[in-house]
Amino acid sequence: MRDDGERLRDINEAIEKIEKYVSIGYQAFIEDERTQVWIIHHLQVIGEASNHLSDELTEQNQDIPWADIVGLRNILVHQYFGIDLRQVWETAELDMPILKAKVREILQEINGK
């Protein structure tokens, strides 16, 4: 079974993969289906990993909207015909840097123990 550290590293890695394509800009994202799929896939990975973090970790880090992250994953997986690409882009561009910083802080705490 994977532990919280491994799942947090999965989240961090997925964010880094999203960052590669956020740099291309919104218009290029809208025009390129492969980039859309790439970013959506890695948002799903983040949601799935978040869903399996321990209750202890999520309770200790309530400043991170874990339920929203998992909820977005569920929308992306189950309501794929209703995906709002603008929302996907905003999540990738605006929310991922914040999440990345917080995940790295938690990883430092875990590794410092």
Protein backbone atom coordinates (compact mmCIF):
# COMPACT_ATOMS: atom_id res chain seq x y z
CA MET A 1 0.00 0.00 0.00
CA ARG A 2 1.25 3.45 -0.92
CA ASP A 3 1.84 5.89 1.92
CA ASP A 4 1.10 9.61 2.14
CA GLY A 5 4.61 10.55 1.08
CA GLU A 6 4.34 8.54 -2.12
CA ARG A 7 0.93 10.00 -2.92
CA LEU A 8 2.15 13.53 -2.26
CA ARG A 9 5.09 12.89 -4.60
CA ASP A 10 2.57 11.67 -7.22
CA ILE A 11 0.66 14.94 -6.80
CA ASN A 12 3.84 16.99 -7.08
CA GLU A 13 4.94 15.10 -10.21
CA ALA A 14 1.53 15.59 -11.85
CA ILE A 15 1.66 19.32 -11.10
CA GLU A 16 5.10 19.54 -12.69
CA LYS A 17 3.77 17.80 -15.80
CA ILE A 18 0.85 20.24 -15.96
CA GLU A 19 3.27 23.17 -15.62
CA LYS A 20 5.08 22.10 -18.79
CA TYR A 21 1.98 22.86 -20.82
CA VAL A 22 0.54 25.81 -18.93
CA SER A 23 3.44 27.82 -20.29
CA ILE A 24 2.00 27.54 -23.83
CA GLY A 25 -0.89 29.85 -22.94
CA TYR A 26 -4.65 29.57 -22.96
CA GLN A 27 -5.20 29.96 -26.70
CA ALA A 28 -2.80 27.14 -27.54
CA PHE A 29 -4.48 24.99 -24.86
CA ILE A 30 -7.93 25.59 -26.36
CA GLU A 31 -6.70 24.77 -29.86
CA ASP A 32 -4.82 21.56 -28.97
CA GLU A 33 -6.88 18.56 -27.87
CA ARG A 34 -3.76 16.61 -26.89
CA THR A 35 -2.75 19.31 -24.44
CA GLN A 36 -6.27 19.38 -23.02
CA VAL A 37 -6.19 15.63 -22.49
CA TRP A 38 -2.69 15.84 -20.95
CA ILE A 39 -3.71 18.45 -18.40
CA ILE A 40 -7.05 16.79 -17.63
CA HIS A 41 -5.33 13.44 -17.10
CA HIS A 42 -2.86 14.90 -14.62
CA LEU A 43 -5.64 16.73 -12.76
CA GLN A 44 -7.31 13.33 -12.45
CA VAL A 45 -4.09 11.85 -11.05
CA ILE A 46 -3.95 14.66 -8.48
CA GLY A 47 -7.55 14.03 -7.48
CA GLU A 48 -7.08 10.29 -7.23
CA ALA A 49 -3.94 10.60 -5.12
CA SER A 50 -5.64 13.18 -2.90
CA ASN A 51 -8.59 10.87 -2.40
CA HIS A 52 -6.31 8.22 -0.90
CA LEU A 53 -4.37 10.41 1.51
CA SER A 54 -4.82 9.53 5.16
CA ASP A 55 -7.50 11.27 7.19
CA GLU A 56 -4.76 12.36 9.57
CA LEU A 57 -2.85 14.20 6.84
CA THR A 58 -5.91 15.89 5.34
CA GLU A 59 -7.16 16.95 8.79
CA GLN A 60 -3.75 18.42 9.62
CA ASN A 61 -3.77 20.36 6.33
CA GLN A 62 -7.29 21.73 6.15
CA ASP A 63 -6.06 24.84 4.31
CA ILE A 64 -5.89 22.64 1.21
CA PRO A 65 -9.32 22.05 -0.37
CA TRP A 66 -8.98 18.26 -0.57
CA ALA A 67 -12.71 17.70 -1.14
CA ASP A 68 -12.70 20.16 -4.05
CA ILE A 69 -9.66 18.47 -5.58
CA VAL A 70 -11.33 15.07 -5.38
CA GLY A 71 -14.60 16.58 -6.61
CA LEU A 72 -12.88 17.99 -9.70
CA ARG A 73 -11.41 14.56 -10.40
CA ASN A 74 -14.89 13.05 -10.21
CA ILE A 75 -16.27 15.64 -12.64
CA LEU A 76 -13.41 15.07 -15.07
CA VAL A 77 -13.87 11.31 -14.96
CA HIS A 78 -17.65 11.01 -14.88
CA GLN A 79 -18.94 14.12 -16.62
CA TYR A 80 -16.42 14.36 -19.42
CA PHE A 81 -18.96 15.71 -21.93
CA GLY A 82 -19.64 18.63 -19.60
CA ILE A 83 -16.05 19.63 -18.90
CA ASP A 84 -15.54 23.40 -18.85
CA LEU A 85 -12.15 23.95 -20.48
CA ARG A 86 -11.93 27.47 -19.06
CA GLN A 87 -12.27 26.03 -15.54
CA VAL A 88 -9.67 23.35 -16.32
CA TRP A 89 -7.27 26.03 -17.55
CA GLU A 90 -7.84 28.28 -14.54
CA THR A 91 -7.29 25.36 -12.20
CA ALA A 92 -4.07 24.42 -13.99
CA GLU A 93 -2.76 27.97 -14.21
CA LEU A 94 -3.88 29.47 -10.91
CA ASP A 95 -4.43 26.66 -8.42
CA MET A 96 -1.58 24.30 -9.22
CA PRO A 97 1.27 26.61 -8.15
CA ILE A 98 -0.42 27.11 -4.76
CA LEU A 99 -1.05 23.40 -4.32
CA LYS A 100 2.50 22.59 -5.36
CA ALA A 101 3.95 24.89 -2.71
CA LYS A 102 1.74 23.39 0.00
CA VAL A 103 2.47 19.81 -1.04
CA ARG A 104 6.19 20.51 -0.95
CA GLU A 105 5.86 21.96 2.56
CA ILE A 106 4.07 18.81 3.73
CA LEU A 107 6.71 16.62 2.08
CA GLN A 108 9.46 18.54 3.88
CA GLU A 109 7.65 17.99 7.19
CA ILE A 110 7.25 14.27 6.47
CA ASN A 111 10.87 13.90 5.37
CA GLY A 112 12.07 15.86 8.41
CA LYS A 113 10.54 13.37 10.82
